[in-house]
Amino acid sequence: MRHNTALTTPVALLAVAFVMCILSIAQADEHRGCSNATLNSSYGFVATGTLLALPAPFAGPFGEIGRQTFDGRGHTDGTGTLSANGNIVRVTVDGTYEVNKDCTGSMTLFILPFGATATFDFVIDDDGTEIKVIATDPGAVETRVYREQFHNDRRGK
């Protein structure tokens, strides 16, 4: 039985090149890191939870929607509408954030009109278009999901 090496050699080389290309792309994505510059956009968010540390009549279950902007250099600000234990409050936030190379991070927000400071941990997901957040303060059970409002090209960040 004769093999046609003139045909199988190019096919084998093409298959090897294809596999090497796929592995190279997978390794590049696997080793891509994040930094403060990864968050350089405006995000809409929704938050839910229970706030026990706020004074009456605000302590209790809450929901919030809003918009928050990250400047790519560690500063963030935003606005939201909060329903705290059934009481509607419009809030503004101003704060800082830090992103780790593994795309986790933390942020601290000063919240008006409460004059309160809140801290959060987060993970950046979906190539920077989503942020998942949890409050880290005692007396707060809160999760947030941020979605980028207007997609920016994030390659190389």
C-alpha atoms as a PDB file:
ATOM      1  CA  MET A   1       0.000   0.000   0.000  1.00  0.00           C
ATOM      2  CA  ARG A   2       1.528   3.321  -1.069  1.00  0.00           C
ATOM      3  CA  HIS A   3       0.843   6.548   0.778  1.00  0.00           C
ATOM      4  CA  ASN A   4       0.638   9.739  -1.161  1.00  0.00           C
ATOM      5  CA  THR A   5       3.110  11.820   0.886  1.00  0.00           C
ATOM      6  CA  ALA A   6       2.741  14.742  -1.497  1.00  0.00           C
ATOM      7  CA  LEU A   7      -0.847  15.165  -0.260  1.00  0.00           C
ATOM      8  CA  THR A   8      -0.584  14.144   3.413  1.00  0.00           C
ATOM      9  CA  THR A   9       2.450  16.296   4.272  1.00  0.00           C
ATOM     10  CA  PRO A  10       0.807  19.664   3.451  1.00  0.00           C
ATOM     11  CA  VAL A  11      -2.414  18.605   5.201  1.00  0.00           C
ATOM     12  CA  ALA A  12      -0.467  17.564   8.303  1.00  0.00           C
ATOM     13  CA  LEU A  13       1.511  20.812   8.291  1.00  0.00           C
ATOM     14  CA  LEU A  14      -1.698  22.823   7.961  1.00  0.00           C
ATOM     15  CA  ALA A  15      -3.261  20.926  10.886  1.00  0.00           C
ATOM     16  CA  VAL A  16      -0.180  21.530  13.076  1.00  0.00           C
ATOM     17  CA  ALA A  17      -0.172  25.248  12.179  1.00  0.00           C
ATOM     18  CA  PHE A  18      -3.876  25.495  13.049  1.00  0.00           C
ATOM     19  CA  VAL A  19      -3.387  23.827  16.455  1.00  0.00           C
ATOM     20  CA  MET A  20      -0.373  26.051  17.232  1.00  0.00           C
ATOM     21  CA  CYS A  21      -2.410  29.149  16.381  1.00  0.00           C
ATOM     22  CA  ILE A  22      -5.277  28.082  18.671  1.00  0.00           C
ATOM     23  CA  LEU A  23      -2.856  27.305  21.519  1.00  0.00           C
ATOM     24  CA  SER A  24      -1.136  30.665  21.076  1.00  0.00           C
ATOM     25  CA  ILE A  25      -4.459  32.537  21.284  1.00  0.00           C
ATOM     26  CA  ALA A  26      -5.540  30.531  24.347  1.00  0.00           C
ATOM     27  CA  GLN A  27      -2.241  31.200  26.124  1.00  0.00           C
ATOM     28  CA  ALA A  28      -2.425  34.930  25.336  1.00  0.00           C
ATOM     29  CA  ASP A  29      -5.944  35.127  26.787  1.00  0.00           C
ATOM     30  CA  GLU A  30      -4.938  33.010  29.781  1.00  0.00           C
ATOM     31  CA  HIS A  31      -2.054  35.328  30.670  1.00  0.00           C
ATOM     32  CA  ARG A  32      -3.774  38.645  29.966  1.00  0.00           C
ATOM     33  CA  GLY A  33      -3.791  40.756  33.090  1.00  0.00           C
ATOM     34  CA  CYS A  34      -5.779  43.699  34.318  1.00  0.00           C
ATOM     35  CA  SER A  35      -4.869  47.074  35.774  1.00  0.00           C
ATOM     36  CA  ASN A  36      -6.673  50.258  36.798  1.00  0.00           C
ATOM     37  CA  ALA A  37      -6.709  51.150  33.087  1.00  0.00           C
ATOM     38  CA  THR A  38      -8.999  48.163  32.416  1.00  0.00           C
ATOM     39  CA  LEU A  39     -11.821  50.146  34.042  1.00  0.00           C
ATOM     40  CA  ASN A  40     -11.993  53.256  31.898  1.00  0.00           C
ATOM     41  CA  SER A  41     -15.651  53.708  31.044  1.00  0.00           C
ATOM     42  CA  SER A  42     -19.165  54.296  32.382  1.00  0.00           C
ATOM     43  CA  TYR A  43     -21.215  51.394  33.703  1.00  0.00           C
ATOM     44  CA  GLY A  44     -24.870  50.995  34.553  1.00  0.00           C
ATOM     45  CA  PHE A  45     -25.436  48.928  37.685  1.00  0.00           C
ATOM     46  CA  VAL A  46     -28.065  47.221  39.770  1.00  0.00           C
ATOM     47  CA  ALA A  47     -27.572  46.443  43.473  1.00  0.00           C
ATOM     48  CA  THR A  48     -29.616  44.462  45.991  1.00  0.00           C
ATOM     49  CA  GLY A  49     -29.187  43.463  49.587  1.00  0.00           C
ATOM     50  CA  THR A  50     -29.808  44.369  53.201  1.00  0.00           C
ATOM     51  CA  LEU A  51     -28.314  47.374  54.957  1.00  0.00           C
ATOM     52  CA  LEU A  52     -28.255  46.934  58.712  1.00  0.00           C
ATOM     53  CA  ALA A  53     -25.793  49.704  59.604  1.00  0.00           C
ATOM     54  CA  LEU A  54     -27.920  52.616  58.344  1.00  0.00           C
ATOM     55  CA  PRO A  55     -30.104  54.516  60.819  1.00  0.00           C
ATOM     56  CA  ALA A  56     -33.892  54.158  60.853  1.00  0.00           C
ATOM     57  CA  PRO A  57     -35.896  54.390  58.650  1.00  0.00           C
ATOM     58  CA  PHE A  58     -33.311  53.282  56.058  1.00  0.00           C
ATOM     59  CA  ALA A  59     -32.013  50.065  57.668  1.00  0.00           C
ATOM     60  CA  GLY A  60     -33.374  46.950  55.996  1.00  0.00           C
ATOM     61  CA  PRO A  61     -33.714  45.573  52.477  1.00  0.00           C
ATOM     62  CA  PHE A  62     -32.696  47.754  49.586  1.00  0.00           C
ATOM     63  CA  GLY A  63     -32.369  47.930  45.832  1.00  0.00           C
ATOM     64  CA  GLU A  64     -30.461  50.453  43.754  1.00  0.00           C
ATOM     65  CA  ILE A  65     -29.819  51.350  40.147  1.00  0.00           C
ATOM     66  CA  GLY A  66     -27.315  53.858  38.878  1.00  0.00           C
ATOM     67  CA  ARG A  67     -24.426  54.865  36.699  1.00  0.00           C
ATOM     68  CA  GLN A  68     -20.783  54.901  37.731  1.00  0.00           C
ATOM     69  CA  THR A  69     -17.735  56.082  35.813  1.00  0.00           C
ATOM     70  CA  PHE A  70     -14.201  54.718  36.248  1.00  0.00           C
ATOM     71  CA  ASP A  71     -11.387  56.945  34.930  1.00  0.00           C
ATOM     72  CA  GLY A  72      -8.719  54.290  34.280  1.00  0.00           C
ATOM     73  CA  ARG A  73      -6.458  55.832  36.944  1.00  0.00           C
ATOM     74  CA  GLY A  74      -8.147  54.752  40.191  1.00  0.00           C
ATOM     75  CA  HIS A  75     -10.901  57.366  40.612  1.00  0.00           C
ATOM     76  CA  THR A  76     -14.630  56.690  40.320  1.00  0.00           C
ATOM     77  CA  ASP A  77     -17.846  58.677  40.751  1.00  0.00           C
ATOM     78  CA  GLY A  78     -21.505  58.152  40.044  1.00  0.00           C
ATOM     79  CA  THR A  79     -25.157  58.662  40.821  1.00  0.00           C
ATOM     80  CA  GLY A  80     -27.963  56.325  41.762  1.00  0.00           C
ATOM     81  CA  THR A  81     -31.504  55.938  42.986  1.00  0.00           C
ATOM     82  CA  LEU A  82     -31.785  53.858  46.135  1.00  0.00           C
ATOM     83  CA  SER A  83     -34.852  52.289  47.695  1.00  0.00           C
ATOM     84  CA  ALA A  84     -33.706  51.717  51.284  1.00  0.00           C
ATOM     85  CA  ASN A  85     -36.375  49.913  53.312  1.00  0.00           C
ATOM     86  CA  GLY A  86     -38.953  51.498  51.002  1.00  0.00           C
ATOM     87  CA  ASN A  87     -37.529  55.033  51.259  1.00  0.00           C
ATOM     88  CA  ILE A  88     -36.404  56.531  47.925  1.00  0.00           C
ATOM     89  CA  VAL A  89     -33.113  58.417  48.081  1.00  0.00           C
ATOM     90  CA  ARG A  90     -31.002  59.828  45.251  1.00  0.00           C
ATOM     91  CA  VAL A  91     -27.329  59.311  46.016  1.00  0.00           C
ATOM     92  CA  THR A  92     -23.977  60.386  44.661  1.00  0.00           C
ATOM     93  CA  VAL A  93     -20.725  58.510  45.157  1.00  0.00           C
ATOM     94  CA  ASP A  94     -17.104  59.508  44.884  1.00  0.00           C
ATOM     95  CA  GLY A  95     -14.249  57.134  45.508  1.00  0.00           C
ATOM     96  CA  THR A  96     -11.179  55.185  44.575  1.00  0.00           C
ATOM     97  CA  TYR A  97     -10.524  51.727  43.182  1.00  0.00           C
ATOM     98  CA  GLU A  98      -7.581  49.425  42.659  1.00  0.00           C
ATOM     99  CA  VAL A  99      -7.434  46.588  40.119  1.00  0.00           C
ATOM    100  CA  ASN A 100      -5.116  43.614  40.620  1.00  0.00           C
ATOM    101  CA  LYS A 101      -3.337  41.835  37.775  1.00  0.00           C
ATOM    102  CA  ASP A 102      -5.708  38.847  38.165  1.00  0.00           C
ATOM    103  CA  CYS A 103      -8.694  41.140  37.415  1.00  0.00           C
ATOM    104  CA  THR A 104      -9.943  41.254  41.000  1.00  0.00           C
ATOM    105  CA  GLY A 105      -9.952  44.485  42.942  1.00  0.00           C
ATOM    106  CA  SER A 106     -11.430  46.696  45.600  1.00  0.00           C
ATOM    107  CA  MET A 107     -13.068  50.101  45.834  1.00  0.00           C
ATOM    108  CA  THR A 108     -14.028  52.569  48.524  1.00  0.00           C
ATOM    109  CA  LEU A 109     -17.006  54.876  47.965  1.00  0.00           C
ATOM    110  CA  PHE A 110     -18.107  57.940  49.920  1.00  0.00           C
ATOM    111  CA  ILE A 111     -21.918  58.081  49.679  1.00  0.00           C
ATOM    112  CA  LEU A 112     -23.975  61.268  49.972  1.00  0.00           C
ATOM    113  CA  PRO A 113     -26.438  62.227  51.432  1.00  0.00           C
ATOM    114  CA  PHE A 114     -25.637  59.573  54.086  1.00  0.00           C
ATOM    115  CA  GLY A 115     -22.048  60.725  54.626  1.00  0.00           C
ATOM    116  CA  ALA A 116     -21.104  57.046  54.778  1.00  0.00           C
ATOM    117  CA  THR A 117     -18.083  55.219  53.408  1.00  0.00           C
ATOM    118  CA  ALA A 118     -18.553  51.748  51.906  1.00  0.00           C
ATOM    119  CA  THR A 119     -15.949  49.227  50.767  1.00  0.00           C
ATOM    120  CA  PHE A 120     -16.306  46.560  48.110  1.00  0.00           C
ATOM    121  CA  ASP A 121     -14.392  43.738  46.463  1.00  0.00           C
ATOM    122  CA  PHE A 122     -14.957  42.975  42.797  1.00  0.00           C
ATOM    123  CA  VAL A 123     -14.019  40.851  39.828  1.00  0.00           C
ATOM    124  CA  ILE A 124     -13.867  42.119  36.252  1.00  0.00           C
ATOM    125  CA  ASP A 125     -15.580  39.780  33.818  1.00  0.00           C
ATOM    126  CA  ASP A 126     -16.497  39.441  30.149  1.00  0.00           C
ATOM    127  CA  ASP A 127     -13.369  41.205  28.839  1.00  0.00           C
ATOM    128  CA  GLY A 128     -13.998  44.274  31.006  1.00  0.00           C
ATOM    129  CA  THR A 129     -17.643  44.819  30.075  1.00  0.00           C
ATOM    130  CA  GLU A 130     -18.988  43.492  33.380  1.00  0.00           C
ATOM    131  CA  ILE A 131     -18.000  43.939  37.021  1.00  0.00           C
ATOM    132  CA  LYS A 132     -19.383  41.757  39.831  1.00  0.00           C
ATOM    133  CA  VAL A 133     -19.200  43.360  43.274  1.00  0.00           C
ATOM    134  CA  ILE A 134     -19.791  42.441  46.920  1.00  0.00           C
ATOM    135  CA  ALA A 135     -19.816  44.749  49.956  1.00  0.00           C
ATOM    136  CA  THR A 136     -17.162  43.999  52.575  1.00  0.00           C
ATOM    137  CA  ASP A 137     -18.400  46.193  55.442  1.00  0.00           C
ATOM    138  CA  PRO A 138     -19.947  44.658  58.587  1.00  0.00           C
ATOM    139  CA  GLY A 139     -23.718  45.131  58.591  1.00  0.00           C
ATOM    140  CA  ALA A 140     -24.029  45.237  54.793  1.00  0.00           C
ATOM    141  CA  VAL A 141     -25.190  42.380  52.608  1.00  0.00           C
ATOM    142  CA  GLU A 142     -24.947  43.811  49.107  1.00  0.00           C
ATOM    143  CA  THR A 143     -24.133  42.584  45.641  1.00  0.00           C
ATOM    144  CA  ARG A 144     -23.861  44.680  42.495  1.00  0.00           C
ATOM    145  CA  VAL A 145     -23.546  43.902  38.817  1.00  0.00           C
ATOM    146  CA  TYR A 146     -22.120  46.589  36.529  1.00  0.00           C
ATOM    147  CA  ARG A 147     -22.466  46.462  32.729  1.00  0.00           C
ATOM    148  CA  GLU A 148     -20.516  48.782  30.474  1.00  0.00           C
ATOM    149  CA  GLN A 149     -22.833  51.328  28.858  1.00  0.00           C
ATOM    150  CA  PHE A 150     -20.879  51.914  25.672  1.00  0.00           C
ATOM    151  CA  HIS A 151     -18.398  49.229  24.642  1.00  0.00           C
ATOM    152  CA  ASN A 152     -14.803  50.420  24.186  1.00  0.00           C
ATOM    153  CA  ASP A 153     -12.077  48.436  22.458  1.00  0.00           C
ATOM    154  CA  ARG A 154     -10.244  46.817  25.380  1.00  0.00           C
ATOM    155  CA  ARG A 155      -7.508  44.913  23.567  1.00  0.00           C
ATOM    156  CA  GLY A 156      -4.154  45.589  25.130  1.00  0.00           C
ATOM    157  CA  LYS A 157      -5.473  46.852  28.470  1.00  0.00           C
END
